């Protein structure tokens, strides 16, 4: 993942963050978000996709709907 890229990070618990990639290492992913930054441990993260990726587009379609 390229530093500075806009990314979507989905956690194991279903929550997600959208931000810019600040740093990536073997233990964690750090995203810059609107109110600062968040450090996500690798074992907490289920999926990471850049916002311009096909994978992110598919996630958007899967989470859009109505009752």
PDB file of N, CA and C in Angstrom:
ATOM      1  N   UNK A   1       0.845  -1.169   0.000  1.00  0.00           N
ATOM      2  CA  UNK A   1       0.000   0.000   0.000  1.00  0.00           C
ATOM      3  C   UNK A   1       0.894   1.237   0.000  1.00  0.00           C
ATOM      4  N   UNK A   2       0.587   2.161  -0.876  1.00  0.00           N
ATOM      5  CA  UNK A   2       1.389   3.369  -1.060  1.00  0.00           C
ATOM      6  C   UNK A   2       1.110   4.376   0.051  1.00  0.00           C
ATOM      7  N   UNK A   3       2.164   4.947   0.642  1.00  0.00           N
ATOM      8  CA  UNK A   3       1.996   5.982   1.652  1.00  0.00           C
ATOM      9  C   UNK A   3       1.286   7.177   1.038  1.00  0.00           C
ATOM     10  N   UNK A   4       0.343   7.747   1.772  1.00  0.00           N
ATOM     11  CA  UNK A   4      -0.430   8.877   1.293  1.00  0.00           C
ATOM     12  C   UNK A   4      -1.691   8.490   0.536  1.00  0.00           C
ATOM     13  N   UNK A   5      -1.825   7.207   0.181  1.00  0.00           N
ATOM     14  CA  UNK A   5      -3.006   6.751  -0.555  1.00  0.00           C
ATOM     15  C   UNK A   5      -4.238   6.803   0.339  1.00  0.00           C
ATOM     16  N   UNK A   6      -5.374   7.155  -0.241  1.00  0.00           N
ATOM     17  CA  UNK A   6      -6.641   7.090   0.482  1.00  0.00           C
ATOM     18  C   UNK A   6      -7.021   5.619   0.591  1.00  0.00           C
ATOM     19  N   UNK A   7      -7.391   5.178   1.795  1.00  0.00           N
ATOM     20  CA  UNK A   7      -7.660   3.762   2.006  1.00  0.00           C
ATOM     21  C   UNK A   7      -8.870   3.539   2.904  1.00  0.00           C
ATOM     22  N   UNK A   8      -9.459   2.375   2.740  1.00  0.00           N
ATOM     23  CA  UNK A   8     -10.574   1.880   3.536  1.00  0.00           C
ATOM     24  C   UNK A   8     -10.038   0.690   4.314  1.00  0.00           C
ATOM     25  N   UNK A   9     -10.135   0.729   5.642  1.00  0.00           N
ATOM     26  CA  UNK A   9      -9.677  -0.382   6.477  1.00  0.00           C
ATOM     27  C   UNK A   9     -10.865  -0.931   7.250  1.00  0.00           C
ATOM     28  N   UNK A  10     -11.226  -2.190   6.975  1.00  0.00           N
ATOM     29  CA  UNK A  10     -12.326  -2.835   7.683  1.00  0.00           C
ATOM     30  C   UNK A  10     -11.744  -3.702   8.790  1.00  0.00           C
ATOM     31  N   UNK A  11     -12.287  -3.543   9.999  1.00  0.00           N
ATOM     32  CA  UNK A  11     -11.809  -4.297  11.152  1.00  0.00           C
ATOM     33  C   UNK A  11     -12.549  -5.621  11.293  1.00  0.00           C
ATOM     34  N   UNK A  12     -11.984  -6.513  12.095  1.00  0.00           N
ATOM     35  CA  UNK A  12     -12.598  -7.824  12.345  1.00  0.00           C
ATOM     36  C   UNK A  12     -13.994  -7.676  12.960  1.00  0.00           C
ATOM     37  N   UNK A  13     -14.225  -6.599  13.741  1.00  0.00           N
ATOM     38  CA  UNK A  13     -15.513  -6.405  14.406  1.00  0.00           C
ATOM     39  C   UNK A  13     -16.553  -5.726  13.515  1.00  0.00           C
ATOM     40  N   UNK A  14     -16.215  -5.455  12.240  1.00  0.00           N
ATOM     41  CA  UNK A  14     -17.154  -4.859  11.303  1.00  0.00           C
ATOM     42  C   UNK A  14     -17.036  -3.351  11.175  1.00  0.00           C
ATOM     43  N   UNK A  15     -16.413  -2.683  12.132  1.00  0.00           N
ATOM     44  CA  UNK A  15     -16.187  -1.239  12.018  1.00  0.00           C
ATOM     45  C   UNK A  15     -15.162  -0.972  10.929  1.00  0.00           C
ATOM     46  N   UNK A  16     -15.106   0.276  10.481  1.00  0.00           N
ATOM     47  CA  UNK A  16     -14.126   0.620   9.453  1.00  0.00           C
ATOM     48  C   UNK A  16     -13.654   2.056   9.599  1.00  0.00           C
ATOM     49  N   UNK A  17     -12.518   2.335   9.008  1.00  0.00           N
ATOM     50  CA  UNK A  17     -11.935   3.671   8.958  1.00  0.00           C
ATOM     51  C   UNK A  17     -11.591   3.991   7.519  1.00  0.00           C
ATOM     52  N   UNK A  18     -11.749   5.259   7.154  1.00  0.00           N
ATOM     53  CA  UNK A  18     -11.317   5.753   5.858  1.00  0.00           C
ATOM     54  C   UNK A  18     -10.362   6.900   6.126  1.00  0.00           C
ATOM     55  N   UNK A  19      -9.186   6.829   5.543  1.00  0.00           N
ATOM     56  CA  UNK A  19      -8.186   7.871   5.751  1.00  0.00           C
ATOM     57  C   UNK A  19      -7.025   7.715   4.798  1.00  0.00           C
ATOM     58  N   UNK A  20      -5.983   8.487   5.042  1.00  0.00           N
ATOM     59  CA  UNK A  20      -4.762   8.413   4.228  1.00  0.00           C
ATOM     60  C   UNK A  20      -3.734   7.572   4.964  1.00  0.00           C
ATOM     61  N   UNK A  21      -3.047   6.715   4.225  1.00  0.00           N
ATOM     62  CA  UNK A  21      -2.041   5.839   4.821  1.00  0.00           C
ATOM     63  C   UNK A  21      -0.829   6.677   5.235  1.00  0.00           C
ATOM     64  N   UNK A  22      -0.536   6.666   6.537  1.00  0.00           N
ATOM     65  CA  UNK A  22       0.619   7.396   7.053  1.00  0.00           C
ATOM     66  C   UNK A  22       1.826   6.470   7.185  1.00  0.00           C
ATOM     67  N   UNK A  23       1.582   5.246   7.676  1.00  0.00           N
ATOM     68  CA  UNK A  23       2.670   4.283   7.862  1.00  0.00           C
ATOM     69  C   UNK A  23       2.106   2.867   7.876  1.00  0.00           C
ATOM     70  N   UNK A  24       2.947   1.931   7.442  1.00  0.00           N
ATOM     71  CA  UNK A  24       2.592   0.511   7.457  1.00  0.00           C
ATOM     72  C   UNK A  24       3.839  -0.244   7.902  1.00  0.00           C
ATOM     73  N   UNK A  25       3.654  -1.167   8.844  1.00  0.00           N
ATOM     74  CA  UNK A  25       4.752  -2.057   9.211  1.00  0.00           C
ATOM     75  C   UNK A  25       4.171  -3.420   9.552  1.00  0.00           C
ATOM     76  N   UNK A  26       4.989  -4.330  10.007  1.00  0.00           N
ATOM     77  CA  UNK A  26       4.535  -5.697  10.272  1.00  0.00           C
ATOM     78  C   UNK A  26       3.481  -5.758  11.373  1.00  0.00           C
ATOM     79  N   UNK A  27       3.462  -4.783  12.272  1.00  0.00           N
ATOM     80  CA  UNK A  27       2.551  -4.828  13.412  1.00  0.00           C
ATOM     81  C   UNK A  27       1.298  -3.971  13.249  1.00  0.00           C
ATOM     82  N   UNK A  28       1.370  -2.891  12.457  1.00  0.00           N
ATOM     83  CA  UNK A  28       0.253  -1.943  12.450  1.00  0.00           C
ATOM     84  C   UNK A  28       0.149  -1.158  11.149  1.00  0.00           C
ATOM     85  N   UNK A  29      -1.023  -0.571  10.980  1.00  0.00           N
ATOM     86  CA  UNK A  29      -1.325   0.358   9.899  1.00  0.00           C
ATOM     87  C   UNK A  29      -1.742   1.663  10.569  1.00  0.00           C
ATOM     88  N   UNK A  30      -1.149   2.767  10.170  1.00  0.00           N
ATOM     89  CA  UNK A  30      -1.516   4.062  10.729  1.00  0.00           C
ATOM     90  C   UNK A  30      -2.182   4.885   9.640  1.00  0.00           C
ATOM     91  N   UNK A  31      -3.412   5.331   9.929  1.00  0.00           N
ATOM     92  CA  UNK A  31      -4.176   6.151   8.996  1.00  0.00           C
ATOM     93  C   UNK A  31      -4.342   7.550   9.552  1.00  0.00           C
ATOM     94  N   UNK A  32      -4.202   8.552   8.696  1.00  0.00           N
ATOM     95  CA  UNK A  32      -4.545   9.923   9.052  1.00  0.00           C
ATOM     96  C   UNK A  32      -6.026  10.082   8.730  1.00  0.00           C
ATOM     97  N   UNK A  33      -6.805  10.457   9.735  1.00  0.00           N
ATOM     98  CA  UNK A  33      -8.246  10.636   9.581  1.00  0.00           C
ATOM     99  C   UNK A  33      -8.596  12.094   9.893  1.00  0.00           C
ATOM    100  N   UNK A  34      -9.853  12.451   9.732  1.00  0.00           N
ATOM    101  CA  UNK A  34     -10.297  13.833   9.896  1.00  0.00           C
ATOM    102  C   UNK A  34      -9.846  14.464  11.215  1.00  0.00           C
ATOM    103  N   UNK A  35      -9.977  13.752  12.305  1.00  0.00           N
ATOM    104  CA  UNK A  35      -9.676  14.306  13.622  1.00  0.00           C
ATOM    105  C   UNK A  35      -8.303  13.928  14.165  1.00  0.00           C
ATOM    106  N   UNK A  36      -7.403  13.465  13.340  1.00  0.00           N
ATOM    107  CA  UNK A  36      -6.064  13.090  13.802  1.00  0.00           C
ATOM    108  C   UNK A  36      -5.561  11.863  13.074  1.00  0.00           C
ATOM    109  N   UNK A  37      -5.151  10.857  13.853  1.00  0.00           N
ATOM    110  CA  UNK A  37      -4.705   9.605  13.250  1.00  0.00           C
ATOM    111  C   UNK A  37      -5.100   8.441  14.128  1.00  0.00           C
ATOM    112  N   UNK A  38      -5.163   7.273  13.515  1.00  0.00           N
ATOM    113  CA  UNK A  38      -5.536   6.054  14.227  1.00  0.00           C
ATOM    114  C   UNK A  38      -4.537   4.966  13.874  1.00  0.00           C
ATOM    115  N   UNK A  39      -4.124   4.221  14.894  1.00  0.00           N
ATOM    116  CA  UNK A  39      -3.221   3.089  14.710  1.00  0.00           C
ATOM    117  C   UNK A  39      -4.043   1.812  14.832  1.00  0.00           C
ATOM    118  N   UNK A  40      -4.007   1.005  13.785  1.00  0.00           N
ATOM    119  CA  UNK A  40      -4.755  -0.249  13.748  1.00  0.00           C
ATOM    120  C   UNK A  40      -3.772  -1.406  13.759  1.00  0.00           C
ATOM    121  N   UNK A  41      -3.878  -2.255  14.764  1.00  0.00           N
ATOM    122  CA  UNK A  41      -3.018  -3.435  14.814  1.00  0.00           C
ATOM    123  C   UNK A  41      -3.393  -4.378  13.681  1.00  0.00           C
ATOM    124  N   UNK A  42      -2.400  -5.017  13.074  1.00  0.00           N
ATOM    125  CA  UNK A  42      -2.641  -5.886  11.913  1.00  0.00           C
ATOM    126  C   UNK A  42      -3.648  -6.990  12.199  1.00  0.00           C
ATOM    127  N   UNK A  43      -3.638  -7.569  13.422  1.00  0.00           N
ATOM    128  CA  UNK A  43      -4.576  -8.653  13.712  1.00  0.00           C
ATOM    129  C   UNK A  43      -5.997  -8.150  13.939  1.00  0.00           C
ATOM    130  N   UNK A  44      -6.205  -6.829  14.055  1.00  0.00           N
ATOM    131  CA  UNK A  44      -7.539  -6.251  14.155  1.00  0.00           C
ATOM    132  C   UNK A  44      -8.156  -5.985  12.777  1.00  0.00           C
ATOM    133  N   UNK A  45      -7.301  -5.896  11.761  1.00  0.00           N
ATOM    134  CA  UNK A  45      -7.742  -5.500  10.422  1.00  0.00           C
ATOM    135  C   UNK A  45      -8.102  -6.725   9.592  1.00  0.00           C
ATOM    136  N   UNK A  46      -9.318  -6.714   9.063  1.00  0.00           N
ATOM    137  CA  UNK A  46      -9.761  -7.808   8.198  1.00  0.00           C
ATOM    138  C   UNK A  46      -9.381  -7.544   6.748  1.00  0.00           C
ATOM    139  N   UNK A  47      -9.548  -6.286   6.302  1.00  0.00           N
ATOM    140  CA  UNK A  47      -9.334  -5.979   4.892  1.00  0.00           C
ATOM    141  C   UNK A  47      -8.916  -4.519   4.755  1.00  0.00           C
ATOM    142  N   UNK A  48      -7.984  -4.259   3.834  1.00  0.00           N
ATOM    143  CA  UNK A  48      -7.583  -2.895   3.495  1.00  0.00           C
ATOM    144  C   UNK A  48      -7.647  -2.770   1.981  1.00  0.00           C
ATOM    145  N   UNK A  49      -8.259  -1.682   1.513  1.00  0.00           N
ATOM    146  CA  UNK A  49      -8.365  -1.443   0.073  1.00  0.00           C
ATOM    147  C   UNK A  49      -8.172   0.041  -0.196  1.00  0.00           C
ATOM    148  N   UNK A  50      -7.465   0.358  -1.280  1.00  0.00           N
ATOM    149  CA  UNK A  50      -7.369   1.760  -1.671  1.00  0.00           C
ATOM    150  C   UNK A  50      -8.724   2.183  -2.230  1.00  0.00           C
ATOM    151  N   UNK A  51      -9.052   3.460  -2.078  1.00  0.00           N
ATOM    152  CA  UNK A  51     -10.380   3.928  -2.472  1.00  0.00           C
ATOM    153  C   UNK A  51     -10.613   3.889  -3.972  1.00  0.00           C
ATOM    154  N   UNK A  52      -9.550   3.786  -4.744  1.00  0.00           N
ATOM    155  CA  UNK A  52      -9.728   3.697  -6.195  1.00  0.00           C
ATOM    156  C   UNK A  52      -9.685   2.253  -6.703  1.00  0.00           C
ATOM    157  N   UNK A  53      -9.704   1.284  -5.809  1.00  0.00           N
ATOM    158  CA  UNK A  53      -9.595  -0.118  -6.214  1.00  0.00           C
ATOM    159  C   UNK A  53     -10.956  -0.721  -6.536  1.00  0.00           C
ATOM    160  N   UNK A  54     -10.950  -1.764  -7.332  1.00  0.00           N
ATOM    161  CA  UNK A  54     -12.162  -2.511  -7.666  1.00  0.00           C
ATOM    162  C   UNK A  54     -12.739  -3.157  -6.406  1.00  0.00           C
ATOM    163  N   UNK A  55     -11.859  -3.606  -5.514  1.00  0.00           N
ATOM    164  CA  UNK A  55     -12.304  -4.233  -4.266  1.00  0.00           C
ATOM    165  C   UNK A  55     -13.138  -3.260  -3.430  1.00  0.00           C
ATOM    166  N   UNK A  56     -12.702  -1.989  -3.351  1.00  0.00           N
ATOM    167  CA  UNK A  56     -13.460  -0.987  -2.603  1.00  0.00           C
ATOM    168  C   UNK A  56     -14.818  -0.738  -3.270  1.00  0.00           C
ATOM    169  N   UNK A  57     -14.850  -0.688  -4.592  1.00  0.00           N
ATOM    170  CA  UNK A  57     -16.110  -0.491  -5.315  1.00  0.00           C
ATOM    171  C   UNK A  57     -17.087  -1.624  -4.998  1.00  0.00           C
ATOM    172  N   UNK A  58     -16.591  -2.844  -4.917  1.00  0.00           N
ATOM    173  CA  UNK A  58     -17.441  -3.985  -4.581  1.00  0.00           C
ATOM    174  C   UNK A  58     -17.946  -3.884  -3.144  1.00  0.00           C
ATOM    175  N   UNK A  59     -17.085  -3.443  -2.220  1.00  0.00           N
ATOM    176  CA  UNK A  59     -17.508  -3.257  -0.829  1.00  0.00           C
ATOM    177  C   UNK A  59     -18.599  -2.201  -0.740  1.00  0.00           C
ATOM    178  N   UNK A  60     -18.474  -1.125  -1.496  1.00  0.00           N
ATOM    179  CA  UNK A  60     -19.486  -0.072  -1.508  1.00  0.00           C
ATOM    180  C   UNK A  60     -20.828  -0.625  -1.964  1.00  0.00           C
ATOM    181  N   UNK A  61     -20.831  -1.436  -3.000  1.00  0.00           N
ATOM    182  CA  UNK A  61     -22.078  -2.011  -3.513  1.00  0.00           C
ATOM    183  C   UNK A  61     -22.689  -2.960  -2.496  1.00  0.00           C
ATOM    184  N   UNK A  62     -21.860  -3.703  -1.789  1.00  0.00           N
ATOM    185  CA  UNK A  62     -22.354  -4.671  -0.814  1.00  0.00           C
ATOM    186  C   UNK A  62     -22.945  -3.988   0.407  1.00  0.00           C
ATOM    187  N   UNK A  63     -22.477  -2.801   0.756  1.00  0.00           N
ATOM    188  CA  UNK A  63     -22.962  -2.130   1.953  1.00  0.00           C
ATOM    189  C   UNK A  63     -24.068  -1.111   1.668  1.00  0.00           C
ATOM    190  N   UNK A  64     -24.399  -0.924   0.396  1.00  0.00           N
ATOM    191  CA  UNK A  64     -25.459   0.015   0.034  1.00  0.00           C
ATOM    192  C   UNK A  64     -26.759  -0.779  -0.150  1.00  0.00           C
ATOM    193  N   UNK A  65     -27.807  -0.293   0.464  1.00  0.00           N
ATOM    194  CA  UNK A  65     -29.072  -0.978   0.328  1.00  0.00           C
ATOM    195  C   UNK A  65     -30.162  -0.252   1.087  1.00  0.00           C
ATOM    196  N   UNK A  66     -31.316  -0.885   1.185  1.00  0.00           N
ATOM    197  CA  UNK A  66     -32.432  -0.280   1.893  1.00  0.00           C
ATOM    198  C   UNK A  66     -33.289  -1.382   2.471  1.00  0.00           C
ATOM    199  N   UNK A  67     -34.144  -0.996   3.411  1.00  0.00           N
ATOM    200  CA  UNK A  67     -35.074  -1.940   4.030  1.00  0.00           C
ATOM    201  C   UNK A  67     -36.476  -1.621   3.599  1.00  0.00           C
TER     202      UNK A  67
END
